[in-house]
């Protein structure tokens, strides 16, 4: 079992920044990939960013590339999403997820179905 708790969401003006955190407990954090997804009202959950177990490989959705940065601190069992130059279209509930069934995989998963555990989500609202 893995428990994930997100924090850091809130209301920010367009062009501003936020940093989301996701604290993990349970299985050995350093052995599995982590991802961030988001879901806006009336839309499907979409991939935002992913990072492999070591932090050595990351992937981003085209919509956030160059603005968002995913990172992890394995000593703190925490993954982060630094979000800069925020836009109103970034408004959504942001979820972190853990891909524990494929430990030590080099390429972090980018699909919803590849993740086994999910946090409860944190709201990010960007005003124009």
C-alpha atoms as a PDB file:
ATOM      1  CA  UNK A   1       0.000   0.000   0.000  1.00  0.00           C
ATOM      2  CA  UNK A   2       1.087   3.542  -0.767  1.00  0.00           C
ATOM      3  CA  UNK A   3      -0.495   6.660   0.654  1.00  0.00           C
ATOM      4  CA  UNK A   4      -0.114   9.931  -1.238  1.00  0.00           C
ATOM      5  CA  UNK A   5      -0.963  13.367   0.118  1.00  0.00           C
ATOM      6  CA  UNK A   6      -0.784  16.448  -2.095  1.00  0.00           C
ATOM      7  CA  UNK A   7      -0.409  20.010  -0.879  1.00  0.00           C
ATOM      8  CA  UNK A   8       0.450  23.437  -2.212  1.00  0.00           C
ATOM      9  CA  UNK A   9      -2.563  24.217  -4.355  1.00  0.00           C
ATOM     10  CA  UNK A  10      -4.352  27.537  -4.238  1.00  0.00           C
ATOM     11  CA  UNK A  11      -5.445  30.628  -6.094  1.00  0.00           C
ATOM     12  CA  UNK A  12      -2.888  32.541  -8.138  1.00  0.00           C
ATOM     13  CA  UNK A  13      -2.994  35.204 -10.828  1.00  0.00           C
ATOM     14  CA  UNK A  14      -1.983  34.438 -14.381  1.00  0.00           C
ATOM     15  CA  UNK A  15       1.777  34.568 -14.729  1.00  0.00           C
ATOM     16  CA  UNK A  16       2.307  33.513 -11.142  1.00  0.00           C
ATOM     17  CA  UNK A  17       3.863  30.401  -9.657  1.00  0.00           C
ATOM     18  CA  UNK A  18       2.949  27.571  -7.322  1.00  0.00           C
ATOM     19  CA  UNK A  19       4.806  24.537  -6.057  1.00  0.00           C
ATOM     20  CA  UNK A  20       2.866  21.367  -5.408  1.00  0.00           C
ATOM     21  CA  UNK A  21       4.182  18.678  -3.100  1.00  0.00           C
ATOM     22  CA  UNK A  22       3.198  15.044  -2.787  1.00  0.00           C
ATOM     23  CA  UNK A  23       4.294  13.132   0.298  1.00  0.00           C
ATOM     24  CA  UNK A  24       4.361   9.356  -0.004  1.00  0.00           C
ATOM     25  CA  UNK A  25       4.300   6.687   2.650  1.00  0.00           C
ATOM     26  CA  UNK A  26       4.245   2.920   2.494  1.00  0.00           C
ATOM     27  CA  UNK A  27       6.410   1.054   0.026  1.00  0.00           C
ATOM     28  CA  UNK A  28       9.960   2.116  -0.738  1.00  0.00           C
ATOM     29  CA  UNK A  29       9.496   5.469  -2.418  1.00  0.00           C
ATOM     30  CA  UNK A  30      12.845   5.466  -4.162  1.00  0.00           C
ATOM     31  CA  UNK A  31      11.983   2.407  -6.234  1.00  0.00           C
ATOM     32  CA  UNK A  32       9.025   3.660  -8.296  1.00  0.00           C
ATOM     33  CA  UNK A  33       8.099   6.350 -10.774  1.00  0.00           C
ATOM     34  CA  UNK A  34       5.801   9.223  -9.877  1.00  0.00           C
ATOM     35  CA  UNK A  35       3.486  11.296 -12.001  1.00  0.00           C
ATOM     36  CA  UNK A  36       1.289  14.369 -11.877  1.00  0.00           C
ATOM     37  CA  UNK A  37      -2.078  14.508 -13.618  1.00  0.00           C
ATOM     38  CA  UNK A  38      -4.816  17.099 -13.632  1.00  0.00           C
ATOM     39  CA  UNK A  39      -8.536  17.232 -14.226  1.00  0.00           C
ATOM     40  CA  UNK A  40     -10.496  20.320 -15.107  1.00  0.00           C
ATOM     41  CA  UNK A  41     -14.290  20.491 -14.713  1.00  0.00           C
ATOM     42  CA  UNK A  42     -16.024  18.582 -17.474  1.00  0.00           C
ATOM     43  CA  UNK A  43     -12.780  17.192 -18.842  1.00  0.00           C
ATOM     44  CA  UNK A  44     -10.929  13.903 -18.552  1.00  0.00           C
ATOM     45  CA  UNK A  45      -7.899  13.499 -16.341  1.00  0.00           C
ATOM     46  CA  UNK A  46      -4.788  14.365 -18.327  1.00  0.00           C
ATOM     47  CA  UNK A  47      -1.083  13.706 -17.963  1.00  0.00           C
ATOM     48  CA  UNK A  48       1.069  16.609 -16.792  1.00  0.00           C
ATOM     49  CA  UNK A  49       4.521  15.283 -15.878  1.00  0.00           C
ATOM     50  CA  UNK A  50       6.336  12.143 -14.734  1.00  0.00           C
ATOM     51  CA  UNK A  51       9.675  11.290 -13.194  1.00  0.00           C
ATOM     52  CA  UNK A  52      11.436   7.964 -12.926  1.00  0.00           C
ATOM     53  CA  UNK A  53      12.597   6.342  -9.696  1.00  0.00           C
ATOM     54  CA  UNK A  54      16.001   8.043  -9.618  1.00  0.00           C
ATOM     55  CA  UNK A  55      14.912  11.434 -10.898  1.00  0.00           C
ATOM     56  CA  UNK A  56      17.146  10.996 -13.908  1.00  0.00           C
ATOM     57  CA  UNK A  57      14.385  10.994 -16.499  1.00  0.00           C
ATOM     58  CA  UNK A  58      11.356  13.210 -16.782  1.00  0.00           C
ATOM     59  CA  UNK A  59       8.524  13.723 -19.236  1.00  0.00           C
ATOM     60  CA  UNK A  60       6.110  16.589 -19.708  1.00  0.00           C
ATOM     61  CA  UNK A  61       2.907  17.238 -21.556  1.00  0.00           C
ATOM     62  CA  UNK A  62       3.436  19.670 -24.403  1.00  0.00           C
ATOM     63  CA  UNK A  63       1.060  22.113 -22.752  1.00  0.00           C
ATOM     64  CA  UNK A  64       3.328  22.561 -19.724  1.00  0.00           C
ATOM     65  CA  UNK A  65       6.783  21.996 -21.198  1.00  0.00           C
ATOM     66  CA  UNK A  66       9.108  24.844 -20.335  1.00  0.00           C
ATOM     67  CA  UNK A  67       6.818  26.121 -17.576  1.00  0.00           C
ATOM     68  CA  UNK A  68       6.514  23.188 -15.151  1.00  0.00           C
ATOM     69  CA  UNK A  69       9.293  21.181 -13.517  1.00  0.00           C
ATOM     70  CA  UNK A  70       8.869  17.842 -11.770  1.00  0.00           C
ATOM     71  CA  UNK A  71      11.433  16.741  -9.217  1.00  0.00           C
ATOM     72  CA  UNK A  72      11.749  14.339  -6.319  1.00  0.00           C
ATOM     73  CA  UNK A  73      13.576  14.048  -3.042  1.00  0.00           C
ATOM     74  CA  UNK A  74      13.896  10.364  -2.199  1.00  0.00           C
ATOM     75  CA  UNK A  75      15.256  11.151   1.254  1.00  0.00           C
ATOM     76  CA  UNK A  76      12.001  12.974   2.029  1.00  0.00           C
ATOM     77  CA  UNK A  77       9.669  10.618   0.139  1.00  0.00           C
ATOM     78  CA  UNK A  78       8.319  13.619  -1.722  1.00  0.00           C
ATOM     79  CA  UNK A  79       7.732  14.595  -5.330  1.00  0.00           C
ATOM     80  CA  UNK A  80       7.276  18.200  -6.403  1.00  0.00           C
ATOM     81  CA  UNK A  81       5.725  20.076  -9.283  1.00  0.00           C
ATOM     82  CA  UNK A  82       7.044  23.607  -9.723  1.00  0.00           C
ATOM     83  CA  UNK A  83       4.587  25.536 -11.864  1.00  0.00           C
ATOM     84  CA  UNK A  84       5.656  28.864 -13.364  1.00  0.00           C
ATOM     85  CA  UNK A  85       4.009  31.232 -15.833  1.00  0.00           C
ATOM     86  CA  UNK A  86       0.626  29.844 -14.900  1.00  0.00           C
ATOM     87  CA  UNK A  87      -2.289  30.331 -17.269  1.00  0.00           C
ATOM     88  CA  UNK A  88      -6.044  30.220 -16.639  1.00  0.00           C
ATOM     89  CA  UNK A  89      -6.176  26.986 -18.634  1.00  0.00           C
ATOM     90  CA  UNK A  90      -3.958  25.365 -15.971  1.00  0.00           C
ATOM     91  CA  UNK A  91      -6.902  25.552 -13.573  1.00  0.00           C
ATOM     92  CA  UNK A  92      -7.706  22.015 -12.414  1.00  0.00           C
ATOM     93  CA  UNK A  93      -7.478  19.543  -9.583  1.00  0.00           C
ATOM     94  CA  UNK A  94      -3.935  18.187  -9.592  1.00  0.00           C
ATOM     95  CA  UNK A  95      -3.257  14.595  -8.576  1.00  0.00           C
ATOM     96  CA  UNK A  96      -0.024  12.808  -7.880  1.00  0.00           C
ATOM     97  CA  UNK A  97       0.254   9.126  -8.648  1.00  0.00           C
ATOM     98  CA  UNK A  98       2.660   6.262  -8.000  1.00  0.00           C
ATOM     99  CA  UNK A  99       3.575   3.499 -10.427  1.00  0.00           C
ATOM    100  CA  UNK A 100       4.621   0.817  -7.930  1.00  0.00           C
ATOM    101  CA  UNK A 101       3.914  -2.232 -10.086  1.00  0.00           C
ATOM    102  CA  UNK A 102       6.877  -1.463 -12.366  1.00  0.00           C
ATOM    103  CA  UNK A 103       9.724  -0.691  -9.960  1.00  0.00           C
ATOM    104  CA  UNK A 104      13.028   0.730 -11.149  1.00  0.00           C
ATOM    105  CA  UNK A 105      11.703   1.343 -14.637  1.00  0.00           C
ATOM    106  CA  UNK A 106      13.902   3.744 -16.599  1.00  0.00           C
ATOM    107  CA  UNK A 107      11.096   5.471 -18.503  1.00  0.00           C
ATOM    108  CA  UNK A 108       8.372   6.961 -16.307  1.00  0.00           C
ATOM    109  CA  UNK A 109       4.824   6.077 -17.366  1.00  0.00           C
ATOM    110  CA  UNK A 110       2.663   8.692 -19.043  1.00  0.00           C
ATOM    111  CA  UNK A 111      -0.667   6.952 -19.055  1.00  0.00           C
ATOM    112  CA  UNK A 112      -3.297   6.993 -16.336  1.00  0.00           C
ATOM    113  CA  UNK A 113      -3.694   3.215 -16.420  1.00  0.00           C
ATOM    114  CA  UNK A 114      -0.036   2.622 -15.567  1.00  0.00           C
ATOM    115  CA  UNK A 115      -0.340   4.178 -12.129  1.00  0.00           C
ATOM    116  CA  UNK A 116      -1.477   2.164  -9.129  1.00  0.00           C
ATOM    117  CA  UNK A 117      -2.025   4.688  -6.354  1.00  0.00           C
ATOM    118  CA  UNK A 118      -3.449   8.196  -6.362  1.00  0.00           C
ATOM    119  CA  UNK A 119      -3.636  11.102  -3.986  1.00  0.00           C
ATOM    120  CA  UNK A 120      -6.814  12.951  -3.134  1.00  0.00           C
ATOM    121  CA  UNK A 121      -5.938  15.930  -5.311  1.00  0.00           C
ATOM    122  CA  UNK A 122      -5.262  19.608  -4.702  1.00  0.00           C
ATOM    123  CA  UNK A 123      -7.091  22.476  -6.403  1.00  0.00           C
ATOM    124  CA  UNK A 124      -5.147  24.966  -8.500  1.00  0.00           C
ATOM    125  CA  UNK A 125      -7.037  28.012  -9.719  1.00  0.00           C
ATOM    126  CA  UNK A 126      -5.425  30.570 -12.013  1.00  0.00           C
ATOM    127  CA  UNK A 127      -7.282  33.849 -12.429  1.00  0.00           C
ATOM    128  CA  UNK A 128      -6.958  36.002 -15.523  1.00  0.00           C
END
